Amino acid sequence: MLLCIDIGNTNIVLGLYDGAELVHDWRMHTDARVTADELALGVRGLLGPLADLVTGIAALSTVPAVLRELRVMLDRFYESTPRVVVQPGVRTGVPLLVDNPKEVGGDRLVNTMAAHHLFPTSCVVVDFGTSTNIDVLSAKG
């Protein structure tokens, strides 16, 4: 199963997917001072017996300090699990027509990739997180 980890400014949201089906989701508070060990303890604690079913991880963090700890956690506790960490500057195949593409957070990258996959025409993506983000996509992405 695919474990998705979305670390935002306010909450860490986990989703466990079996193919396209969301099997379970969890939410915990984001603390910019969290260590990799604490992060792993929280994730494994929430997953419980489902932790052994994780075969891949897709993760992102909009909090730079937690992104560092996320990477350490993945290296330490999930070293043999295939993973992708979406962060500013990662190449997605979707052109970013903004002044500085490296300032576009992983959350916005994933939102636009998902929208482009689900709606391959022009669309507007609105994310009402801690900050509200609006992204506009053409049919080309």
N, C-alpha and C. Protein backbone atom coordinates (compact mmCIF):
# COMPACT_ATOMS: atom_id res chain seq x y z
N MET A 1 0.84 -1.18 0.00
CA MET A 1 0.00 0.00 0.00
C MET A 1 0.88 1.24 0.00
N LEU A 2 0.35 2.31 -0.55
CA LEU A 2 1.08 3.58 -0.64
C LEU A 2 0.72 4.45 0.55
N LEU A 3 1.73 4.88 1.29
CA LEU A 3 1.54 5.82 2.38
C LEU A 3 1.85 7.22 1.86
N CYS A 4 0.87 8.11 1.94
CA CYS A 4 1.06 9.50 1.53
C CYS A 4 1.16 10.35 2.78
N ILE A 5 2.17 11.21 2.83
CA ILE A 5 2.41 12.08 3.98
C ILE A 5 2.44 13.52 3.49
N ASP A 6 1.52 14.33 4.00
CA ASP A 6 1.43 15.76 3.65
C ASP A 6 1.67 16.56 4.91
N ILE A 7 2.87 17.13 5.02
CA ILE A 7 3.22 17.92 6.20
C ILE A 7 3.00 19.38 5.87
N GLY A 8 1.94 19.94 6.42
CA GLY A 8 1.61 21.34 6.21
C GLY A 8 2.00 22.17 7.42
N ASN A 9 1.74 23.46 7.35
CA ASN A 9 2.10 24.36 8.44
C ASN A 9 1.33 24.07 9.72
N THR A 10 0.11 23.55 9.61
CA THR A 10 -0.74 23.32 10.77
C THR A 10 -0.88 21.84 11.11
N ASN A 11 -1.05 21.00 10.11
CA ASN A 11 -1.30 19.57 10.33
C ASN A 11 -0.42 18.69 9.46
N ILE A 12 -0.19 17.49 9.96
CA ILE A 12 0.40 16.41 9.17
C ILE A 12 -0.74 15.46 8.85
N VAL A 13 -0.98 15.24 7.57
CA VAL A 13 -2.07 14.37 7.15
C VAL A 13 -1.47 13.14 6.47
N LEU A 14 -1.90 11.98 6.92
CA LEU A 14 -1.45 10.72 6.36
C LEU A 14 -2.61 10.04 5.67
N GLY A 15 -2.34 9.44 4.53
CA GLY A 15 -3.34 8.65 3.84
C GLY A 15 -2.72 7.35 3.39
N LEU A 16 -3.42 6.26 3.58
CA LEU A 16 -2.95 4.95 3.16
C LEU A 16 -3.84 4.46 2.03
N TYR A 17 -3.23 4.21 0.87
CA TYR A 17 -3.96 3.86 -0.33
C TYR A 17 -3.66 2.43 -0.76
N ASP A 18 -4.71 1.74 -1.17
CA ASP A 18 -4.60 0.45 -1.84
C ASP A 18 -5.03 0.71 -3.27
N GLY A 19 -4.07 0.88 -4.17
CA GLY A 19 -4.38 1.34 -5.52
C GLY A 19 -4.92 2.76 -5.44
N ALA A 20 -6.07 2.99 -6.04
CA ALA A 20 -6.68 4.33 -6.02
C ALA A 20 -7.60 4.53 -4.83
N GLU A 21 -7.78 3.49 -4.02
CA GLU A 21 -8.73 3.57 -2.90
C GLU A 21 -8.05 4.00 -1.60
N LEU A 22 -8.58 5.06 -0.99
CA LEU A 22 -8.11 5.51 0.31
C LEU A 22 -8.64 4.53 1.36
N VAL A 23 -7.73 3.82 2.02
CA VAL A 23 -8.09 2.82 3.00
C VAL A 23 -8.29 3.46 4.38
N HIS A 24 -7.41 4.40 4.72
CA HIS A 24 -7.49 5.04 6.03
C HIS A 24 -6.74 6.37 5.96
N ASP A 25 -7.15 7.31 6.81
CA ASP A 25 -6.41 8.56 6.90
C ASP A 25 -6.33 9.00 8.35
N TRP A 26 -5.29 9.78 8.65
CA TRP A 26 -5.03 10.26 10.00
C TRP A 26 -4.54 11.70 9.91
N ARG A 27 -4.63 12.39 11.03
CA ARG A 27 -4.19 13.78 11.10
C ARG A 27 -3.53 14.00 12.46
N MET A 28 -2.39 14.69 12.44
CA MET A 28 -1.76 15.09 13.70
C MET A 28 -1.21 16.50 13.55
N HIS A 29 -0.96 17.14 14.66
CA HIS A 29 -0.51 18.52 14.68
C HIS A 29 0.94 18.63 14.20
N THR A 30 1.25 19.66 13.42
CA THR A 30 2.62 19.91 12.98
C THR A 30 3.37 20.70 14.05
N ASP A 31 4.55 20.23 14.39
CA ASP A 31 5.45 20.94 15.29
C ASP A 31 6.78 21.07 14.56
N ALA A 32 7.18 22.30 14.27
CA ALA A 32 8.41 22.54 13.51
C ALA A 32 9.65 22.04 14.25
N ARG A 33 9.52 21.72 15.53
CA ARG A 33 10.66 21.25 16.33
C ARG A 33 10.73 19.73 16.41
N VAL A 34 9.83 19.03 15.71
CA VAL A 34 9.78 17.57 15.79
C VAL A 34 11.08 16.96 15.26
N THR A 35 11.49 15.87 15.90
CA THR A 35 12.67 15.15 15.44
C THR A 35 12.23 13.99 14.55
N ALA A 36 13.18 13.42 13.83
CA ALA A 36 12.88 12.27 12.97
C ALA A 36 12.32 11.11 13.79
N ASP A 37 12.89 10.90 14.97
CA ASP A 37 12.41 9.81 15.83
C ASP A 37 10.98 10.05 16.28
N GLU A 38 10.67 11.28 16.67
CA GLU A 38 9.30 11.61 17.10
C GLU A 38 8.32 11.48 15.95
N LEU A 39 8.75 11.90 14.77
CA LEU A 39 7.91 11.80 13.59
C LEU A 39 7.61 10.33 13.28
N ALA A 40 8.64 9.50 13.33
CA ALA A 40 8.47 8.06 13.08
C ALA A 40 7.55 7.43 14.12
N LEU A 41 7.71 7.82 15.37
CA LEU A 41 6.87 7.28 16.44
C LEU A 41 5.40 7.64 16.19
N GLY A 42 5.15 8.88 15.79
CA GLY A 42 3.77 9.30 15.50
C GLY A 42 3.19 8.56 14.30
N VAL A 43 3.97 8.46 13.24
CA VAL A 43 3.49 7.78 12.02
C VAL A 43 3.23 6.30 12.30
N ARG A 44 4.21 5.62 12.89
CA ARG A 44 4.04 4.19 13.16
C ARG A 44 2.94 3.94 14.18
N GLY A 45 2.79 4.85 15.14
CA GLY A 45 1.72 4.71 16.12
C GLY A 45 0.35 4.81 15.49
N LEU A 46 0.19 5.73 14.56
CA LEU A 46 -1.10 5.88 13.88
C LEU A 46 -1.38 4.70 12.94
N LEU A 47 -0.35 4.25 12.24
CA LEU A 47 -0.53 3.14 11.30
C LEU A 47 -0.83 1.83 12.02
N GLY A 48 -0.25 1.65 13.19
CA GLY A 48 -0.45 0.40 13.93
C GLY A 48 -0.07 -0.80 13.08
N PRO A 49 -0.91 -1.84 13.06
CA PRO A 49 -0.58 -3.05 12.31
C PRO A 49 -0.54 -2.83 10.79
N LEU A 50 -1.10 -1.72 10.32
CA LEU A 50 -1.07 -1.43 8.89
C LEU A 50 0.33 -1.01 8.43
N ALA A 51 1.21 -0.66 9.37
CA ALA A 51 2.56 -0.21 9.02
C ALA A 51 3.31 -1.25 8.19
N ASP A 52 3.08 -2.52 8.47
CA ASP A 52 3.78 -3.58 7.75
C ASP A 52 3.29 -3.75 6.32
N LEU A 53 2.18 -3.12 5.97
CA LEU A 53 1.62 -3.23 4.62
C LEU A 53 2.12 -2.14 3.68
N VAL A 54 2.89 -1.17 4.21
CA VAL A 54 3.37 -0.06 3.39
C VAL A 54 4.44 -0.55 2.43
N THR A 55 4.20 -0.35 1.12
CA THR A 55 5.15 -0.78 0.09
C THR A 55 5.76 0.40 -0.65
N GLY A 56 5.27 1.61 -0.37
CA GLY A 56 5.80 2.81 -1.00
C GLY A 56 5.35 4.03 -0.23
N ILE A 57 6.13 5.11 -0.36
CA ILE A 57 5.81 6.35 0.36
C ILE A 57 5.95 7.53 -0.60
N ALA A 58 4.94 8.40 -0.58
CA ALA A 58 4.98 9.68 -1.28
C ALA A 58 4.80 10.75 -0.22
N ALA A 59 5.73 11.69 -0.13
CA ALA A 59 5.69 12.65 0.96
C ALA A 59 6.04 14.04 0.48
N LEU A 60 5.58 15.02 1.27
CA LEU A 60 5.94 16.41 1.04
C LEU A 60 5.85 17.15 2.36
N SER A 61 6.56 18.27 2.44
CA SER A 61 6.48 19.13 3.61
C SER A 61 6.63 20.57 3.16
N THR A 62 5.75 21.43 3.66
CA THR A 62 5.87 22.86 3.40
C THR A 62 6.65 23.54 4.53
N VAL A 63 7.10 22.76 5.50
CA VAL A 63 7.85 23.28 6.65
C VAL A 63 9.30 22.80 6.50
N PRO A 64 10.23 23.70 6.14
CA PRO A 64 11.61 23.27 5.87
C PRO A 64 12.26 22.46 6.99
N ALA A 65 12.07 22.85 8.24
CA ALA A 65 12.68 22.11 9.35
C ALA A 65 12.14 20.69 9.43
N VAL A 66 10.86 20.52 9.17
CA VAL A 66 10.25 19.19 9.23
C VAL A 66 10.63 18.39 7.99
N LEU A 67 10.84 19.05 6.86
CA LEU A 67 11.29 18.35 5.65
C LEU A 67 12.62 17.66 5.91
N ARG A 68 13.54 18.35 6.58
CA ARG A 68 14.83 17.73 6.93
C ARG A 68 14.62 16.48 7.79
N GLU A 69 13.76 16.60 8.80
CA GLU A 69 13.51 15.47 9.70
C GLU A 69 12.75 14.35 8.98
N LEU A 70 11.87 14.71 8.06
CA LEU A 70 11.17 13.71 7.25
C LEU A 70 12.17 12.87 6.47
N ARG A 71 13.13 13.53 5.85
CA ARG A 71 14.15 12.81 5.07
C ARG A 71 14.95 11.86 5.97
N VAL A 72 15.33 12.35 7.15
CA VAL A 72 16.07 11.50 8.10
C VAL A 72 15.21 10.31 8.52
N MET A 73 13.93 10.57 8.82
CA MET A 73 13.02 9.49 9.21
C MET A 73 12.93 8.43 8.11
N LEU A 74 12.76 8.87 6.87
CA LEU A 74 12.63 7.93 5.77
C LEU A 74 13.91 7.11 5.60
N ASP A 75 15.06 7.76 5.72
CA ASP A 75 16.34 7.05 5.59
C ASP A 75 16.55 6.06 6.73
N ARG A 76 16.13 6.44 7.92
CA ARG A 76 16.39 5.62 9.11
C ARG A 76 15.39 4.48 9.27
N PHE A 77 14.12 4.75 9.04
CA PHE A 77 13.09 3.77 9.35
C PHE A 77 12.45 3.11 8.13
N TYR A 78 12.66 3.70 6.96
CA TYR A 78 12.03 3.16 5.74
C TYR A 78 13.06 3.07 4.60
N GLU A 79 14.29 2.71 4.95
CA GLU A 79 15.37 2.74 3.97
C GLU A 79 15.15 1.83 2.77
N SER A 80 14.45 0.73 2.95
CA SER A 80 14.23 -0.19 1.82
C SER A 80 12.89 0.03 1.13
N THR A 81 12.12 1.02 1.59
CA THR A 81 10.81 1.29 1.00
C THR A 81 10.95 2.32 -0.12
N PRO A 82 10.49 2.01 -1.33
CA PRO A 82 10.53 3.00 -2.41
C PRO A 82 9.77 4.26 -2.00
N ARG A 83 10.33 5.43 -2.36
CA ARG A 83 9.70 6.68 -1.93
C ARG A 83 10.00 7.81 -2.89
N VAL A 84 9.15 8.80 -2.80
CA VAL A 84 9.39 10.06 -3.50
C VAL A 84 9.04 11.18 -2.53
N VAL A 85 9.91 12.18 -2.47
CA VAL A 85 9.65 13.37 -1.66
C VAL A 85 9.50 14.53 -2.63
N VAL A 86 8.31 15.10 -2.65
CA VAL A 86 8.02 16.22 -3.55
C VAL A 86 8.37 17.51 -2.81
N GLN A 87 9.23 18.31 -3.43
CA GLN A 87 9.67 19.55 -2.80
C GLN A 87 9.94 20.59 -3.88
N PRO A 88 10.09 21.85 -3.49
CA PRO A 88 10.38 22.88 -4.48
C PRO A 88 11.59 22.50 -5.33
N GLY A 89 11.47 22.72 -6.63
CA GLY A 89 12.57 22.43 -7.54
C GLY A 89 12.50 21.05 -8.18
N VAL A 90 11.62 20.17 -7.69
CA VAL A 90 11.51 18.83 -8.27
C VAL A 90 10.85 18.94 -9.65
N ARG A 91 11.33 18.14 -10.58
CA ARG A 91 10.77 18.16 -11.94
C ARG A 91 9.57 17.22 -12.00
N THR A 92 8.44 17.77 -12.41
CA THR A 92 7.19 16.99 -12.44
C THR A 92 6.68 16.75 -13.85
N GLY A 93 7.23 17.45 -14.83
CA GLY A 93 6.70 17.36 -16.18
C GLY A 93 5.64 18.40 -16.45
N VAL A 94 5.19 19.09 -15.41
CA VAL A 94 4.22 20.17 -15.57
C VAL A 94 4.99 21.49 -15.49
N PRO A 95 4.97 22.30 -16.56
CA PRO A 95 5.73 23.56 -16.54
C PRO A 95 5.15 24.53 -15.51
N LEU A 96 6.05 25.18 -14.76
CA LEU A 96 5.63 26.17 -13.77
C LEU A 96 5.92 27.56 -14.33
N LEU A 97 4.88 28.24 -14.74
CA LEU A 97 5.05 29.56 -15.34
C LEU A 97 4.92 30.63 -14.26
N VAL A 98 5.89 30.64 -13.37
CA VAL A 98 5.96 31.61 -12.29
C VAL A 98 7.37 32.20 -12.29
N ASP A 99 7.54 33.34 -11.61
CA ASP A 99 8.84 34.00 -11.59
C ASP A 99 9.94 33.11 -11.02
N ASN A 100 9.66 32.41 -9.92
CA ASN A 100 10.66 31.55 -9.31
C ASN A 100 10.04 30.18 -8.98
N PRO A 101 10.17 29.21 -9.88
CA PRO A 101 9.55 27.89 -9.66
C PRO A 101 9.99 27.21 -8.37
N LYS A 102 11.19 27.52 -7.87
CA LYS A 102 11.66 26.89 -6.64
C LYS A 102 10.93 27.40 -5.40
N GLU A 103 10.10 28.42 -5.57
CA GLU A 103 9.30 28.93 -4.45
C GLU A 103 7.93 28.26 -4.38
N VAL A 104 7.62 27.41 -5.34
CA VAL A 104 6.34 26.71 -5.35
C VAL A 104 6.48 25.46 -4.48
N GLY A 105 5.70 25.39 -3.41
CA GLY A 105 5.80 24.30 -2.45
C GLY A 105 5.32 22.97 -2.99
N GLY A 106 5.76 21.91 -2.34
CA GLY A 106 5.37 20.56 -2.73
C GLY A 106 3.87 20.34 -2.72
N ASP A 107 3.17 21.01 -1.80
CA ASP A 107 1.71 20.86 -1.75
C ASP A 107 1.06 21.38 -3.02
N ARG A 108 1.53 22.52 -3.50
CA ARG A 108 0.98 23.09 -4.73
C ARG A 108 1.36 22.25 -5.94
N LEU A 109 2.57 21.68 -5.94
CA LEU A 109 2.98 20.81 -7.04
C LEU A 109 2.08 19.58 -7.13
N VAL A 110 1.83 18.95 -5.99
CA VAL A 110 0.99 17.75 -5.97
C VAL A 110 -0.45 18.10 -6.34
N ASN A 111 -0.95 19.22 -5.83
CA ASN A 111 -2.32 19.65 -6.18
C ASN A 111 -2.47 19.82 -7.68
N THR A 112 -1.50 20.50 -8.30
CA THR A 112 -1.62 20.75 -9.74
C THR A 112 -1.43 19.48 -10.56
N MET A 113 -0.54 18.59 -10.12
CA MET A 113 -0.37 17.31 -10.83
C MET A 113 -1.66 16.49 -10.76
N ALA A 114 -2.27 16.45 -9.58
CA ALA A 114 -3.52 15.69 -9.43
C ALA A 114 -4.63 16.29 -10.27
N ALA A 115 -4.75 17.62 -10.25
CA ALA A 115 -5.79 18.28 -11.03
C ALA A 115 -5.59 18.02 -12.52
N HIS A 116 -4.34 18.11 -12.97
CA HIS A 116 -4.04 17.88 -14.39
C HIS A 116 -4.35 16.43 -14.78
N HIS A 117 -4.10 15.50 -13.88
CA HIS A 117 -4.40 14.08 -14.14
C HIS A 117 -5.91 13.85 -14.20
N LEU A 118 -6.64 14.43 -13.26
CA LEU A 118 -8.08 14.21 -13.18
C LEU A 118 -8.87 15.02 -14.20
N PHE A 119 -8.37 16.22 -14.52
CA PHE A 119 -9.07 17.13 -15.42
C PHE A 119 -8.08 17.66 -16.45
N PRO A 120 -7.82 16.92 -17.53
CA PRO A 120 -6.79 17.30 -18.49
C PRO A 120 -7.15 18.51 -19.36
N THR A 121 -8.14 19.27 -18.93
CA THR A 121 -8.46 20.54 -19.60
C THR A 121 -7.97 21.66 -18.70
N SER A 122 -8.23 22.88 -19.06
CA SER A 122 -7.87 24.00 -18.20
C SER A 122 -8.69 23.93 -16.91
N CYS A 123 -8.07 24.31 -15.80
CA CYS A 123 -8.80 24.31 -14.53
C CYS A 123 -8.13 25.23 -13.52
N VAL A 124 -8.85 25.51 -12.46
CA VAL A 124 -8.35 26.32 -11.35
C VAL A 124 -8.32 25.43 -10.11
N VAL A 125 -7.21 25.47 -9.38
CA VAL A 125 -7.05 24.68 -8.17
C VAL A 125 -6.98 25.64 -6.99
N VAL A 126 -7.85 25.44 -6.00
CA VAL A 126 -7.85 26.28 -4.81
C VAL A 126 -7.59 25.38 -3.60
N ASP A 127 -6.59 25.73 -2.80
CA ASP A 127 -6.24 24.99 -1.60
C ASP A 127 -6.45 25.91 -0.40
N PHE A 128 -7.43 25.55 0.44
CA PHE A 128 -7.74 26.34 1.62
C PHE A 128 -7.00 25.76 2.83
N GLY A 129 -5.68 25.83 2.82
CA GLY A 129 -4.89 25.36 3.95
C GLY A 129 -4.65 26.51 4.91
N THR A 130 -3.52 26.47 5.61
CA THR A 130 -3.17 27.57 6.51
C THR A 130 -3.14 28.87 5.73
N SER A 131 -2.63 28.80 4.51
CA SER A 131 -2.74 29.93 3.58
C SER A 131 -3.55 29.45 2.38
N THR A 132 -4.28 30.35 1.77
CA THR A 132 -5.08 29.99 0.60
C THR A 132 -4.23 30.18 -0.65
N ASN A 133 -4.14 29.13 -1.46
CA ASN A 133 -3.38 29.19 -2.71
C ASN A 133 -4.32 28.93 -3.88
N ILE A 134 -4.12 29.69 -4.94
CA ILE A 134 -4.90 29.52 -6.17
C ILE A 134 -3.91 29.30 -7.31
N ASP A 135 -4.07 28.19 -8.00
CA ASP A 135 -3.22 27.87 -9.15
C ASP A 135 -4.11 27.66 -10.36
N VAL A 136 -3.65 28.14 -11.51
CA VAL A 136 -4.40 28.03 -12.76
C VAL A 136 -3.60 27.15 -13.71
N LEU A 137 -4.28 26.16 -14.28
CA LEU A 137 -3.63 25.24 -15.21
C LEU A 137 -4.26 25.35 -16.58
N SER A 138 -3.41 25.28 -17.59
CA SER A 138 -3.92 25.18 -18.96
C SER A 138 -4.09 23.70 -19.29
N ALA A 139 -4.57 23.41 -20.46
CA ALA A 139 -4.72 22.01 -20.87
C ALA A 139 -3.36 21.32 -20.96
N LYS A 140 -2.28 22.09 -21.09
CA LYS A 140 -0.92 21.54 -21.16
C LYS A 140 -0.31 21.33 -19.78
N GLY A 141 -0.99 21.79 -18.76
CA GLY A 141 -0.46 21.64 -17.39
C GLY A 141 -0.17 22.94 -16.72
